Amino acid sequence: MQTVALIDYGSGNLRSAQNALERVAAASPGGARIAVTNDPEVVARADRIVLPGVGAFAACRDALMAREGVVEAMTEAVRERGVPFLGVCVGMQLLATRGLEFGETPGLDWIGGEVRRLAPASPTCKVPHMGWNAVEDLSPAGGGLGLDPGAAMYFTHSFAFHAADPADVAAWTDHGGRFAAAVARGNVAGVQFHPEKSQSAGLSLLARFLEWRP
C-alpha cells in the first residue's frame, strides 16, 4: 500500500485535507495510507506528498522552514526520486520563485514565477476572492492530473501564482481577470482552489492524484 505524506507544519486546512484524502484513499482500488507528518524520514520515503496551506505566503514559508529537515526531505523525494507532489492553495504558491505578500519572500522555486495580489478589473470582483469558479483551458498536464473542464472549485485567496512560463499553467479561472487555477511541471503540481472543500469535483481530483503517473 502506498503512503501519502501530508505535511504538517501548522496549516489551517490540514485536518480538512486529511479527512478528504482518507475518504478517497478508502475508496481507492490500490488503497493508500495518509501519514500526517513533519518527520523528514517519513517524508523522504513517501510515495506521494501533499503540501496544504492557508494564510500569508511568508508565514507559511517560515513555518515550513522551521520544521527541521522537512524541505530537504521533500526535495529529495520530489526532485530526485520523482515522487508525485500536490500543493494546495498556499501550498501551491510556495512552489513559486518568490511571493510578494508583505514584501518579497523566496519560495521553493520548483516552478518559476511569482505570487502577486489579485487585481480584478471589475469593482464587483472583491478581494479576497471567496467562492466557486469553473476551471477552464486545461493543458494536457491539467487533464492528466485529474481536472475536468468546467468543474466548479472552491477558492478563498487574495494572491495568485503568475508562472514565468505559461506552459506551466495547467488550468485557468477568472475573477475580474484570468489567473492560474492550477500549475504543473513534471511530477510537481499545485492547485489554487481547495479540493477538500470542493465537494465531489474536489474529491475526484484527489482520487485521481492517488493514481497520477506523471
N, C-alpha and C. Protein backbone atom coordinates (compact mmCIF):
# COMPACT_ATOMS: atom_id res chain seq x y z
N MET A 1 0.84 -1.20 0.00
CA MET A 1 0.00 0.00 0.00
C MET A 1 0.88 1.25 0.00
N GLN A 2 0.54 2.21 -0.85
CA GLN A 2 1.34 3.42 -0.92
C GLN A 2 1.09 4.33 0.28
N THR A 3 2.09 5.15 0.58
CA THR A 3 1.99 6.12 1.67
C THR A 3 1.98 7.52 1.10
N VAL A 4 1.00 8.32 1.51
CA VAL A 4 0.91 9.73 1.13
C VAL A 4 1.29 10.56 2.34
N ALA A 5 2.37 11.33 2.22
CA ALA A 5 2.80 12.21 3.30
C ALA A 5 2.06 13.54 3.17
N LEU A 6 1.22 13.84 4.14
CA LEU A 6 0.52 15.13 4.22
C LEU A 6 1.31 15.97 5.21
N ILE A 7 1.97 17.01 4.71
CA ILE A 7 2.94 17.74 5.51
C ILE A 7 2.25 18.57 6.58
N ASP A 8 2.64 18.33 7.82
CA ASP A 8 2.09 19.04 8.98
C ASP A 8 3.07 20.13 9.40
N TYR A 9 2.75 21.38 9.06
CA TYR A 9 3.56 22.50 9.52
C TYR A 9 2.69 23.59 10.15
N GLY A 10 1.51 23.16 10.64
CA GLY A 10 0.61 24.08 11.31
C GLY A 10 -0.41 24.74 10.42
N SER A 11 -0.59 24.27 9.20
CA SER A 11 -1.53 24.89 8.28
C SER A 11 -2.97 24.70 8.74
N GLY A 12 -3.77 25.72 8.53
CA GLY A 12 -5.16 25.70 8.98
C GLY A 12 -6.04 24.70 8.26
N ASN A 13 -5.68 24.29 7.05
CA ASN A 13 -6.53 23.34 6.32
C ASN A 13 -6.02 21.91 6.41
N LEU A 14 -5.12 21.64 7.36
CA LEU A 14 -4.51 20.31 7.48
C LEU A 14 -5.57 19.24 7.72
N ARG A 15 -6.44 19.43 8.71
CA ARG A 15 -7.38 18.38 9.07
C ARG A 15 -8.44 18.15 8.00
N SER A 16 -8.90 19.22 7.36
CA SER A 16 -9.89 19.03 6.29
C SER A 16 -9.25 18.31 5.10
N ALA A 17 -7.98 18.61 4.82
CA ALA A 17 -7.27 17.90 3.75
C ALA A 17 -7.08 16.44 4.13
N GLN A 18 -6.74 16.19 5.38
CA GLN A 18 -6.58 14.81 5.85
C GLN A 18 -7.88 14.02 5.70
N ASN A 19 -8.98 14.61 6.13
CA ASN A 19 -10.26 13.92 6.04
C ASN A 19 -10.63 13.59 4.60
N ALA A 20 -10.39 14.55 3.69
CA ALA A 20 -10.72 14.31 2.28
C ALA A 20 -9.83 13.22 1.69
N LEU A 21 -8.54 13.28 2.00
CA LEU A 21 -7.62 12.27 1.46
C LEU A 21 -7.94 10.88 2.01
N GLU A 22 -8.27 10.80 3.29
CA GLU A 22 -8.61 9.50 3.86
C GLU A 22 -9.89 8.94 3.24
N ARG A 23 -10.81 9.82 2.92
CA ARG A 23 -12.06 9.38 2.29
C ARG A 23 -11.81 8.78 0.93
N VAL A 24 -11.00 9.47 0.11
CA VAL A 24 -10.76 8.94 -1.24
C VAL A 24 -9.82 7.74 -1.19
N ALA A 25 -8.90 7.72 -0.21
CA ALA A 25 -7.99 6.58 -0.09
C ALA A 25 -8.75 5.31 0.25
N ALA A 26 -9.79 5.43 1.08
CA ALA A 26 -10.59 4.26 1.47
C ALA A 26 -11.30 3.66 0.27
N ALA A 27 -11.60 4.49 -0.73
CA ALA A 27 -12.30 4.01 -1.92
C ALA A 27 -11.36 3.70 -3.08
N SER A 28 -10.07 3.95 -2.89
CA SER A 28 -9.10 3.74 -3.96
C SER A 28 -8.84 2.26 -4.18
N PRO A 29 -8.79 1.81 -5.43
CA PRO A 29 -8.55 0.38 -5.70
C PRO A 29 -7.24 -0.11 -5.08
N GLY A 30 -6.22 0.73 -5.13
CA GLY A 30 -4.92 0.32 -4.59
C GLY A 30 -4.75 0.64 -3.12
N GLY A 31 -5.63 1.48 -2.60
CA GLY A 31 -5.51 1.89 -1.21
C GLY A 31 -4.36 2.85 -1.00
N ALA A 32 -4.37 3.53 0.12
CA ALA A 32 -3.29 4.44 0.47
C ALA A 32 -3.36 4.73 1.96
N ARG A 33 -2.21 4.89 2.56
CA ARG A 33 -2.12 5.31 3.96
C ARG A 33 -1.78 6.78 4.00
N ILE A 34 -2.59 7.59 4.65
CA ILE A 34 -2.35 9.02 4.76
C ILE A 34 -1.57 9.28 6.04
N ALA A 35 -0.33 9.70 5.90
CA ALA A 35 0.54 9.96 7.05
C ALA A 35 0.65 11.46 7.26
N VAL A 36 0.01 11.97 8.30
CA VAL A 36 0.15 13.39 8.66
C VAL A 36 1.46 13.52 9.42
N THR A 37 2.41 14.24 8.86
CA THR A 37 3.77 14.14 9.38
C THR A 37 4.61 15.38 9.14
N ASN A 38 5.56 15.59 10.03
CA ASN A 38 6.67 16.52 9.77
C ASN A 38 7.99 15.82 10.09
N ASP A 39 7.97 14.50 9.99
CA ASP A 39 9.15 13.67 10.18
C ASP A 39 9.88 13.54 8.85
N PRO A 40 11.09 14.07 8.74
CA PRO A 40 11.81 14.02 7.45
C PRO A 40 11.98 12.61 6.90
N GLU A 41 12.15 11.63 7.77
CA GLU A 41 12.34 10.26 7.29
C GLU A 41 11.07 9.73 6.63
N VAL A 42 9.92 10.03 7.21
CA VAL A 42 8.65 9.60 6.62
C VAL A 42 8.43 10.30 5.28
N VAL A 43 8.73 11.60 5.25
CA VAL A 43 8.56 12.38 4.01
C VAL A 43 9.47 11.85 2.92
N ALA A 44 10.72 11.57 3.25
CA ALA A 44 11.68 11.11 2.25
C ALA A 44 11.31 9.77 1.65
N ARG A 45 10.59 8.92 2.43
CA ARG A 45 10.23 7.59 1.94
C ARG A 45 8.85 7.53 1.32
N ALA A 46 8.10 8.62 1.38
CA ALA A 46 6.70 8.62 0.92
C ALA A 46 6.59 8.34 -0.57
N ASP A 47 5.44 7.79 -0.95
CA ASP A 47 5.16 7.52 -2.37
C ASP A 47 4.53 8.73 -3.05
N ARG A 48 3.87 9.58 -2.26
CA ARG A 48 3.26 10.83 -2.74
C ARG A 48 3.32 11.83 -1.60
N ILE A 49 3.31 13.12 -1.97
CA ILE A 49 3.39 14.18 -0.97
C ILE A 49 2.34 15.24 -1.28
N VAL A 50 1.65 15.69 -0.22
CA VAL A 50 0.68 16.78 -0.33
C VAL A 50 1.08 17.87 0.65
N LEU A 51 1.17 19.10 0.15
CA LEU A 51 1.50 20.26 0.98
C LEU A 51 0.29 21.18 1.04
N PRO A 52 -0.41 21.23 2.19
CA PRO A 52 -1.54 22.15 2.32
C PRO A 52 -1.05 23.57 2.58
N GLY A 53 -1.97 24.49 2.80
CA GLY A 53 -1.54 25.85 3.11
C GLY A 53 -2.70 26.83 3.16
N VAL A 54 -2.76 27.60 4.24
CA VAL A 54 -3.73 28.67 4.38
C VAL A 54 -3.03 29.81 5.10
N GLY A 55 -3.23 31.05 4.60
CA GLY A 55 -2.64 32.20 5.28
C GLY A 55 -1.69 32.97 4.39
N ALA A 56 -0.79 33.71 5.02
CA ALA A 56 0.15 34.55 4.29
C ALA A 56 1.34 33.72 3.79
N PHE A 57 1.82 34.07 2.61
CA PHE A 57 2.93 33.36 1.97
C PHE A 57 4.13 33.28 2.92
N ALA A 58 4.55 34.42 3.45
CA ALA A 58 5.76 34.46 4.27
C ALA A 58 5.60 33.64 5.54
N ALA A 59 4.44 33.74 6.18
CA ALA A 59 4.22 32.98 7.42
C ALA A 59 4.23 31.48 7.15
N CYS A 60 3.61 31.06 6.05
CA CYS A 60 3.60 29.63 5.72
C CYS A 60 5.00 29.15 5.35
N ARG A 61 5.72 29.95 4.61
CA ARG A 61 7.09 29.57 4.25
C ARG A 61 7.97 29.45 5.49
N ASP A 62 7.86 30.40 6.40
CA ASP A 62 8.66 30.36 7.63
C ASP A 62 8.30 29.15 8.49
N ALA A 63 7.00 28.85 8.58
CA ALA A 63 6.56 27.70 9.36
C ALA A 63 7.08 26.39 8.77
N LEU A 64 7.07 26.30 7.44
CA LEU A 64 7.57 25.11 6.78
C LEU A 64 9.08 24.96 6.99
N MET A 65 9.81 26.06 6.84
CA MET A 65 11.25 26.01 7.02
C MET A 65 11.64 25.70 8.46
N ALA A 66 10.75 26.03 9.41
CA ALA A 66 11.04 25.78 10.82
C ALA A 66 10.98 24.30 11.17
N ARG A 67 10.34 23.48 10.33
CA ARG A 67 10.31 22.04 10.57
C ARG A 67 11.62 21.45 10.04
N GLU A 68 12.53 21.19 10.94
CA GLU A 68 13.89 20.82 10.57
C GLU A 68 13.93 19.60 9.65
N GLY A 69 14.58 19.78 8.51
CA GLY A 69 14.81 18.68 7.57
C GLY A 69 13.66 18.37 6.64
N VAL A 70 12.48 19.01 6.83
CA VAL A 70 11.31 18.64 6.03
C VAL A 70 11.47 19.10 4.58
N VAL A 71 11.90 20.35 4.36
CA VAL A 71 12.08 20.83 2.99
C VAL A 71 13.13 20.00 2.27
N GLU A 72 14.19 19.66 2.95
CA GLU A 72 15.24 18.83 2.34
C GLU A 72 14.69 17.45 1.97
N ALA A 73 13.88 16.87 2.86
CA ALA A 73 13.29 15.56 2.57
C ALA A 73 12.31 15.63 1.41
N MET A 74 11.50 16.70 1.36
CA MET A 74 10.60 16.91 0.24
C MET A 74 11.38 17.01 -1.06
N THR A 75 12.46 17.78 -1.03
CA THR A 75 13.27 17.99 -2.23
C THR A 75 13.88 16.69 -2.71
N GLU A 76 14.38 15.90 -1.79
CA GLU A 76 14.96 14.60 -2.16
C GLU A 76 13.91 13.70 -2.80
N ALA A 77 12.74 13.62 -2.19
CA ALA A 77 11.69 12.74 -2.70
C ALA A 77 11.16 13.21 -4.05
N VAL A 78 10.86 14.51 -4.14
CA VAL A 78 10.18 15.03 -5.32
C VAL A 78 11.15 15.30 -6.46
N ARG A 79 12.24 15.98 -6.17
CA ARG A 79 13.16 16.41 -7.22
C ARG A 79 14.15 15.32 -7.64
N GLU A 80 14.46 14.41 -6.71
CA GLU A 80 15.44 13.37 -7.04
C GLU A 80 14.79 12.03 -7.35
N ARG A 81 13.76 11.65 -6.59
CA ARG A 81 13.10 10.36 -6.82
C ARG A 81 11.89 10.46 -7.73
N GLY A 82 11.40 11.67 -7.98
CA GLY A 82 10.25 11.83 -8.87
C GLY A 82 8.92 11.51 -8.24
N VAL A 83 8.82 11.63 -6.92
CA VAL A 83 7.56 11.36 -6.22
C VAL A 83 6.50 12.40 -6.62
N PRO A 84 5.28 11.99 -6.96
CA PRO A 84 4.23 12.95 -7.29
C PRO A 84 3.93 13.87 -6.10
N PHE A 85 3.77 15.16 -6.39
CA PHE A 85 3.59 16.19 -5.37
C PHE A 85 2.39 17.05 -5.72
N LEU A 86 1.58 17.38 -4.70
CA LEU A 86 0.45 18.28 -4.89
C LEU A 86 0.48 19.35 -3.81
N GLY A 87 0.53 20.63 -4.23
CA GLY A 87 0.41 21.75 -3.32
C GLY A 87 -1.00 22.32 -3.40
N VAL A 88 -1.57 22.67 -2.25
CA VAL A 88 -2.94 23.17 -2.19
C VAL A 88 -2.95 24.59 -1.64
N CYS A 89 -3.55 25.53 -2.39
CA CYS A 89 -3.69 26.93 -2.01
C CYS A 89 -2.30 27.53 -1.76
N VAL A 90 -1.98 27.93 -0.53
CA VAL A 90 -0.64 28.48 -0.30
C VAL A 90 0.42 27.40 -0.52
N GLY A 91 0.06 26.14 -0.34
CA GLY A 91 0.98 25.05 -0.68
C GLY A 91 1.36 25.06 -2.14
N MET A 92 0.45 25.49 -3.01
CA MET A 92 0.76 25.71 -4.42
C MET A 92 1.63 26.94 -4.58
N GLN A 93 1.26 28.03 -3.92
CA GLN A 93 2.00 29.28 -4.08
C GLN A 93 3.46 29.15 -3.67
N LEU A 94 3.74 28.30 -2.68
CA LEU A 94 5.11 28.13 -2.22
C LEU A 94 6.01 27.47 -3.28
N LEU A 95 5.42 26.92 -4.33
CA LEU A 95 6.21 26.36 -5.42
C LEU A 95 6.91 27.45 -6.22
N ALA A 96 6.45 28.67 -6.12
CA ALA A 96 6.95 29.78 -6.94
C ALA A 96 8.37 30.20 -6.53
N THR A 97 8.97 31.01 -7.38
CA THR A 97 10.29 31.56 -7.08
C THR A 97 10.22 32.52 -5.90
N ARG A 98 9.16 33.32 -5.86
CA ARG A 98 9.04 34.28 -4.76
C ARG A 98 7.58 34.67 -4.58
N GLY A 99 7.27 35.15 -3.37
CA GLY A 99 5.98 35.71 -3.07
C GLY A 99 6.11 37.17 -2.73
N LEU A 100 5.12 37.97 -3.09
CA LEU A 100 5.18 39.42 -2.90
C LEU A 100 4.13 39.90 -1.90
N GLU A 101 3.85 39.09 -0.91
CA GLU A 101 2.91 39.45 0.14
C GLU A 101 3.68 39.94 1.35
N PHE A 102 3.43 41.20 1.76
CA PHE A 102 4.18 41.81 2.86
C PHE A 102 5.69 41.79 2.57
N GLY A 103 6.06 42.27 1.39
CA GLY A 103 7.46 42.25 0.99
C GLY A 103 7.75 41.04 0.12
N GLU A 104 9.01 40.84 -0.17
CA GLU A 104 9.43 39.73 -1.03
C GLU A 104 9.96 38.59 -0.18
N THR A 105 9.44 37.38 -0.44
CA THR A 105 9.84 36.18 0.30
C THR A 105 10.17 35.09 -0.71
N PRO A 106 11.33 34.45 -0.59
CA PRO A 106 11.64 33.37 -1.53
C PRO A 106 10.75 32.16 -1.32
N GLY A 107 10.37 31.53 -2.44
CA GLY A 107 9.62 30.28 -2.38
C GLY A 107 10.55 29.11 -2.64
N LEU A 108 9.96 27.94 -2.91
CA LEU A 108 10.77 26.76 -3.20
C LEU A 108 11.42 26.83 -4.57
N ASP A 109 10.84 27.62 -5.48
CA ASP A 109 11.35 27.77 -6.85
C ASP A 109 11.35 26.45 -7.61
N TRP A 110 10.32 25.63 -7.38
CA TRP A 110 10.19 24.40 -8.15
C TRP A 110 9.49 24.65 -9.48
N ILE A 111 8.65 25.69 -9.52
CA ILE A 111 8.03 26.14 -10.77
C ILE A 111 8.23 27.65 -10.81
N GLY A 112 8.96 28.13 -11.80
CA GLY A 112 9.32 29.53 -11.86
C GLY A 112 8.12 30.45 -11.93
N GLY A 113 8.18 31.55 -11.17
CA GLY A 113 7.10 32.53 -11.19
C GLY A 113 7.04 33.27 -9.87
N GLU A 114 6.03 34.12 -9.76
CA GLU A 114 5.87 34.87 -8.52
C GLU A 114 4.39 34.94 -8.14
N VAL A 115 4.17 35.16 -6.85
CA VAL A 115 2.81 35.23 -6.31
C VAL A 115 2.49 36.68 -6.02
N ARG A 116 1.48 37.22 -6.73
CA ARG A 116 1.11 38.63 -6.60
C ARG A 116 -0.35 38.77 -6.20
N ARG A 117 -0.68 39.91 -5.60
CA ARG A 117 -2.04 40.17 -5.17
C ARG A 117 -2.98 40.23 -6.36
N LEU A 118 -4.16 39.67 -6.20
CA LEU A 118 -5.19 39.77 -7.22
C LEU A 118 -5.54 41.23 -7.46
N ALA A 119 -5.74 41.57 -8.72
CA ALA A 119 -6.13 42.95 -9.09
C ALA A 119 -7.25 42.88 -10.12
N PRO A 120 -8.47 42.53 -9.69
CA PRO A 120 -9.58 42.38 -10.63
C PRO A 120 -9.88 43.68 -11.37
N ALA A 121 -10.20 43.55 -12.66
CA ALA A 121 -10.54 44.73 -13.46
C ALA A 121 -11.91 45.29 -13.09
N SER A 122 -12.79 44.43 -12.57
CA SER A 122 -14.14 44.87 -12.23
C SER A 122 -14.26 45.14 -10.73
N PRO A 123 -14.84 46.27 -10.33
CA PRO A 123 -15.02 46.57 -8.90
C PRO A 123 -16.01 45.63 -8.22
N THR A 124 -16.78 44.89 -9.00
CA THR A 124 -17.71 43.94 -8.40
C THR A 124 -17.00 42.65 -7.95
N CYS A 125 -15.77 42.47 -8.39
CA CYS A 125 -14.99 41.28 -8.01
C CYS A 125 -14.13 41.62 -6.80
N LYS A 126 -14.52 41.13 -5.66
CA LYS A 126 -13.89 41.51 -4.41
C LYS A 126 -12.62 40.69 -4.14
N VAL A 127 -11.76 41.27 -3.32
CA VAL A 127 -10.57 40.59 -2.81
C VAL A 127 -10.62 40.70 -1.29
N PRO A 128 -10.54 39.57 -0.56
CA PRO A 128 -10.25 38.23 -1.03
C PRO A 128 -11.33 37.66 -1.98
N HIS A 129 -10.86 36.80 -2.85
CA HIS A 129 -11.75 36.05 -3.73
C HIS A 129 -12.22 34.82 -2.96
N MET A 130 -13.51 34.75 -2.71
CA MET A 130 -14.07 33.62 -1.97
C MET A 130 -15.31 33.12 -2.70
N GLY A 131 -15.28 31.88 -3.12
CA GLY A 131 -16.45 31.33 -3.79
C GLY A 131 -16.08 30.29 -4.84
N TRP A 132 -17.08 29.94 -5.62
CA TRP A 132 -16.95 28.87 -6.61
C TRP A 132 -16.64 29.45 -7.99
N ASN A 133 -15.64 28.87 -8.63
CA ASN A 133 -15.28 29.25 -10.00
C ASN A 133 -15.00 28.00 -10.82
N ALA A 134 -15.33 28.08 -12.10
CA ALA A 134 -15.04 26.97 -13.00
C ALA A 134 -13.60 27.02 -13.47
N VAL A 135 -12.97 25.86 -13.56
CA VAL A 135 -11.63 25.78 -14.14
C VAL A 135 -11.79 25.57 -15.64
N GLU A 136 -10.89 26.17 -16.42
CA GLU A 136 -11.05 26.16 -17.87
C GLU A 136 -9.69 26.15 -18.55
N ASP A 137 -9.71 25.97 -19.87
CA ASP A 137 -8.49 25.99 -20.69
C ASP A 137 -7.43 25.05 -20.12
N LEU A 138 -7.83 23.81 -19.87
CA LEU A 138 -6.91 22.84 -19.32
C LEU A 138 -5.79 22.51 -20.30
N SER A 139 -4.58 22.39 -19.80
CA SER A 139 -3.47 21.87 -20.58
C SER A 139 -3.48 20.34 -20.46
N PRO A 140 -2.66 19.63 -21.24
CA PRO A 140 -2.56 18.17 -21.06
C PRO A 140 -2.20 17.80 -19.63
N ALA A 141 -1.36 18.63 -18.97
CA ALA A 141 -0.98 18.34 -17.59
C ALA A 141 -2.19 18.42 -16.67
N GLY A 142 -3.06 19.40 -16.91
CA GLY A 142 -4.26 19.54 -16.08
C GLY A 142 -5.18 18.35 -16.22
N GLY A 143 -5.36 17.90 -17.45
CA GLY A 143 -6.19 16.73 -17.67
C GLY A 143 -5.58 15.48 -17.06
N GLY A 144 -4.27 15.37 -17.16
CA GLY A 144 -3.59 14.21 -16.58
C GLY A 144 -3.67 14.19 -15.07
N LEU A 145 -3.67 15.36 -14.46
CA LEU A 145 -3.77 15.46 -13.01
C LEU A 145 -5.16 15.07 -12.52
N GLY A 146 -6.15 15.23 -13.37
CA GLY A 146 -7.50 14.84 -12.99
C GLY A 146 -8.48 15.98 -12.93
N LEU A 147 -8.13 17.13 -13.50
CA LEU A 147 -9.06 18.24 -13.58
C LEU A 147 -10.06 18.02 -14.72
N ASP A 148 -11.30 18.37 -14.49
CA ASP A 148 -12.32 18.26 -15.52
C ASP A 148 -12.69 19.65 -16.01
N PRO A 149 -12.72 19.88 -17.33
CA PRO A 149 -13.07 21.20 -17.85
C PRO A 149 -14.44 21.66 -17.36
N GLY A 150 -14.48 22.88 -16.87
CA GLY A 150 -15.74 23.43 -16.40
C GLY A 150 -16.12 23.05 -14.99
N ALA A 151 -15.32 22.21 -14.33
CA ALA A 151 -15.65 21.82 -12.96
C ALA A 151 -15.58 23.03 -12.03
N ALA A 152 -16.55 23.16 -11.16
CA ALA A 152 -16.57 24.27 -10.20
C ALA A 152 -15.78 23.89 -8.96
N MET A 153 -14.81 24.74 -8.61
CA MET A 153 -13.97 24.51 -7.44
C MET A 153 -14.08 25.70 -6.49
N TYR A 154 -13.80 25.44 -5.21
CA TYR A 154 -13.95 26.48 -4.20
C TYR A 154 -12.62 27.18 -3.95
N PHE A 155 -12.63 28.51 -4.10
CA PHE A 155 -11.44 29.34 -3.91
C PHE A 155 -11.61 30.26 -2.70
N THR A 156 -10.54 30.49 -1.98
CA THR A 156 -10.50 31.54 -0.96
C THR A 156 -9.07 32.03 -0.84
N HIS A 157 -8.78 33.21 -1.43
CA HIS A 157 -7.41 33.71 -1.50
C HIS A 157 -7.41 35.16 -1.95
N SER A 158 -6.28 35.81 -1.72
CA SER A 158 -6.08 37.20 -2.16
C SER A 158 -4.92 37.32 -3.14
N PHE A 159 -4.12 36.26 -3.27
CA PHE A 159 -2.94 36.30 -4.12
C PHE A 159 -3.00 35.15 -5.11
N ALA A 160 -2.33 35.31 -6.24
CA ALA A 160 -2.35 34.31 -7.30
C ALA A 160 -0.95 34.06 -7.85
N PHE A 161 -0.76 32.86 -8.36
CA PHE A 161 0.52 32.41 -8.94
C PHE A 161 0.60 32.90 -10.39
N HIS A 162 1.65 33.64 -10.71
CA HIS A 162 1.92 34.07 -12.08
C HIS A 162 3.16 33.33 -12.57
N ALA A 163 2.94 32.31 -13.39
CA ALA A 163 4.03 31.45 -13.85
C ALA A 163 4.91 32.19 -14.85
N ALA A 164 6.22 32.01 -14.72
CA ALA A 164 7.16 32.60 -15.66
C ALA A 164 6.98 32.01 -17.05
N ASP A 165 6.64 30.73 -17.12
CA ASP A 165 6.38 30.04 -18.38
C ASP A 165 4.91 29.65 -18.42
N PRO A 166 4.11 30.24 -19.33
CA PRO A 166 2.69 29.91 -19.40
C PRO A 166 2.42 28.42 -19.59
N ALA A 167 3.41 27.70 -20.12
CA ALA A 167 3.23 26.26 -20.32
C ALA A 167 3.10 25.51 -19.00
N ASP A 168 3.50 26.15 -17.89
CA ASP A 168 3.38 25.52 -16.58
C ASP A 168 1.99 25.68 -15.96
N VAL A 169 1.12 26.47 -16.62
CA VAL A 169 -0.24 26.63 -16.12
C VAL A 169 -1.09 25.47 -16.62
N ALA A 170 -1.61 24.69 -15.68
CA ALA A 170 -2.39 23.50 -16.03
C ALA A 170 -3.85 23.82 -16.25
N ALA A 171 -4.34 24.91 -15.64
CA ALA A 171 -5.74 25.33 -15.81
C ALA A 171 -5.87 26.78 -15.37
N TRP A 172 -6.86 27.46 -15.93
CA TRP A 172 -7.11 28.86 -15.62
C TRP A 172 -8.50 29.01 -15.01
N THR A 173 -8.71 30.15 -14.35
CA THR A 173 -10.04 30.56 -13.95
C THR A 173 -10.10 32.08 -14.03
N ASP A 174 -11.26 32.66 -13.75
CA ASP A 174 -11.42 34.09 -13.94
C ASP A 174 -12.12 34.73 -12.74
N HIS A 175 -11.54 35.83 -12.28
CA HIS A 175 -12.16 36.65 -11.23
C HIS A 175 -11.78 38.10 -11.52
N GLY A 176 -12.50 38.69 -12.47
CA GLY A 176 -12.13 40.02 -12.94
C GLY A 176 -10.82 40.02 -13.69
N GLY A 177 -10.48 38.90 -14.29
CA GLY A 177 -9.21 38.69 -14.99
C GLY A 177 -8.74 37.27 -14.76
N ARG A 178 -8.08 36.70 -15.75
CA ARG A 178 -7.65 35.31 -15.65
C ARG A 178 -6.45 35.16 -14.72
N PHE A 179 -6.43 34.05 -14.00
CA PHE A 179 -5.25 33.68 -13.23
C PHE A 179 -5.16 32.16 -13.18
N ALA A 180 -4.02 31.66 -12.76
CA ALA A 180 -3.78 30.22 -12.75
C ALA A 180 -4.58 29.54 -11.65
N ALA A 181 -5.44 28.62 -12.04
CA ALA A 181 -6.16 27.79 -11.08
C ALA A 181 -5.31 26.59 -10.68
N ALA A 182 -4.39 26.19 -11.56
CA ALA A 182 -3.51 25.05 -11.29
C ALA A 182 -2.24 25.21 -12.09
N VAL A 183 -1.15 24.71 -11.54
CA VAL A 183 0.13 24.69 -12.24
C VAL A 183 0.67 23.27 -12.19
N ALA A 184 1.51 22.92 -13.15
CA ALA A 184 2.10 21.59 -13.16
C ALA A 184 3.36 21.59 -14.01
N ARG A 185 4.36 20.91 -13.52
CA ARG A 185 5.57 20.67 -14.29
C ARG A 185 6.11 19.31 -13.87
N GLY A 186 6.08 18.36 -14.80
CA GLY A 186 6.54 17.02 -14.47
C GLY A 186 5.70 16.40 -13.37
N ASN A 187 6.36 15.99 -12.30
CA ASN A 187 5.68 15.35 -11.18
C ASN A 187 5.24 16.33 -10.10
N VAL A 188 5.38 17.64 -10.36
CA VAL A 188 5.03 18.68 -9.39
C VAL A 188 3.78 19.42 -9.86
N ALA A 189 2.78 19.48 -9.00
CA ALA A 189 1.54 20.18 -9.36
C ALA A 189 1.02 20.95 -8.16
N GLY A 190 0.22 21.95 -8.45
CA GLY A 190 -0.41 22.73 -7.39
C GLY A 190 -1.74 23.26 -7.86
N VAL A 191 -2.68 23.41 -6.92
CA VAL A 191 -4.00 23.96 -7.23
C VAL A 191 -4.27 25.12 -6.29
N GLN A 192 -4.78 26.22 -6.84
CA GLN A 192 -5.08 27.40 -6.03
C GLN A 192 -6.35 27.19 -5.20
N PHE A 193 -7.27 26.41 -5.71
CA PHE A 193 -8.52 26.15 -5.01
C PHE A 193 -8.31 25.08 -3.93
N HIS A 194 -9.37 24.85 -3.16
CA HIS A 194 -9.33 23.85 -2.10
C HIS A 194 -10.12 22.61 -2.54
N PRO A 195 -9.46 21.56 -2.99
CA PRO A 195 -10.21 20.36 -3.38
C PRO A 195 -10.97 19.75 -2.21
N GLU A 196 -10.42 19.90 -1.00
CA GLU A 196 -11.09 19.32 0.17
C GLU A 196 -12.38 20.03 0.51
N LYS A 197 -12.62 21.22 -0.09
CA LYS A 197 -13.85 21.97 0.13
C LYS A 197 -14.71 22.04 -1.13
N SER A 198 -14.29 21.32 -2.16
CA SER A 198 -14.95 21.43 -3.47
C SER A 198 -15.87 20.26 -3.79
N GLN A 199 -16.35 19.60 -2.76
CA GLN A 199 -17.35 18.55 -2.89
C GLN A 199 -16.89 17.46 -3.86
N SER A 200 -17.78 16.94 -4.69
CA SER A 200 -17.44 15.77 -5.50
C SER A 200 -16.32 16.05 -6.50
N ALA A 201 -16.29 17.26 -7.07
CA ALA A 201 -15.24 17.58 -8.05
C ALA A 201 -13.87 17.59 -7.38
N GLY A 202 -13.80 18.12 -6.16
CA GLY A 202 -12.53 18.13 -5.45
C GLY A 202 -12.09 16.75 -5.02
N LEU A 203 -13.04 15.95 -4.54
CA LEU A 203 -12.70 14.58 -4.15
C LEU A 203 -12.24 13.76 -5.36
N SER A 204 -12.86 14.02 -6.50
CA SER A 204 -12.45 13.33 -7.72
C SER A 204 -11.01 13.65 -8.08
N LEU A 205 -10.63 14.93 -7.94
CA LEU A 205 -9.25 15.31 -8.22
C LEU A 205 -8.29 14.61 -7.27
N LEU A 206 -8.61 14.58 -5.98
CA LEU A 206 -7.73 13.92 -5.01
C LEU A 206 -7.62 12.42 -5.29
N ALA A 207 -8.74 11.81 -5.68
CA ALA A 207 -8.71 10.39 -6.00
C ALA A 207 -7.80 10.13 -7.20
N ARG A 208 -7.87 11.00 -8.18
CA ARG A 208 -7.01 10.83 -9.36
C ARG A 208 -5.55 11.11 -9.02
N PHE A 209 -5.32 12.03 -8.07
CA PHE A 209 -3.93 12.28 -7.66
C PHE A 209 -3.31 11.01 -7.07
N LEU A 210 -4.09 10.22 -6.36
CA LEU A 210 -3.56 8.97 -5.79
C LEU A 210 -3.14 7.99 -6.88
N GLU A 211 -3.66 8.17 -8.07
CA GLU A 211 -3.32 7.27 -9.20
C GLU A 211 -2.43 7.97 -10.24
N TRP A 212 -2.11 9.21 -10.02
CA TRP A 212 -1.39 10.03 -11.01
C TRP A 212 -0.02 9.44 -11.31
N ARG A 213 0.28 9.29 -12.58
CA ARG A 213 1.58 8.78 -13.02
C ARG A 213 2.18 9.78 -14.01
N PRO A 214 2.76 10.87 -13.51
CA PRO A 214 3.28 11.92 -14.42
C PRO A 214 4.50 11.44 -15.20
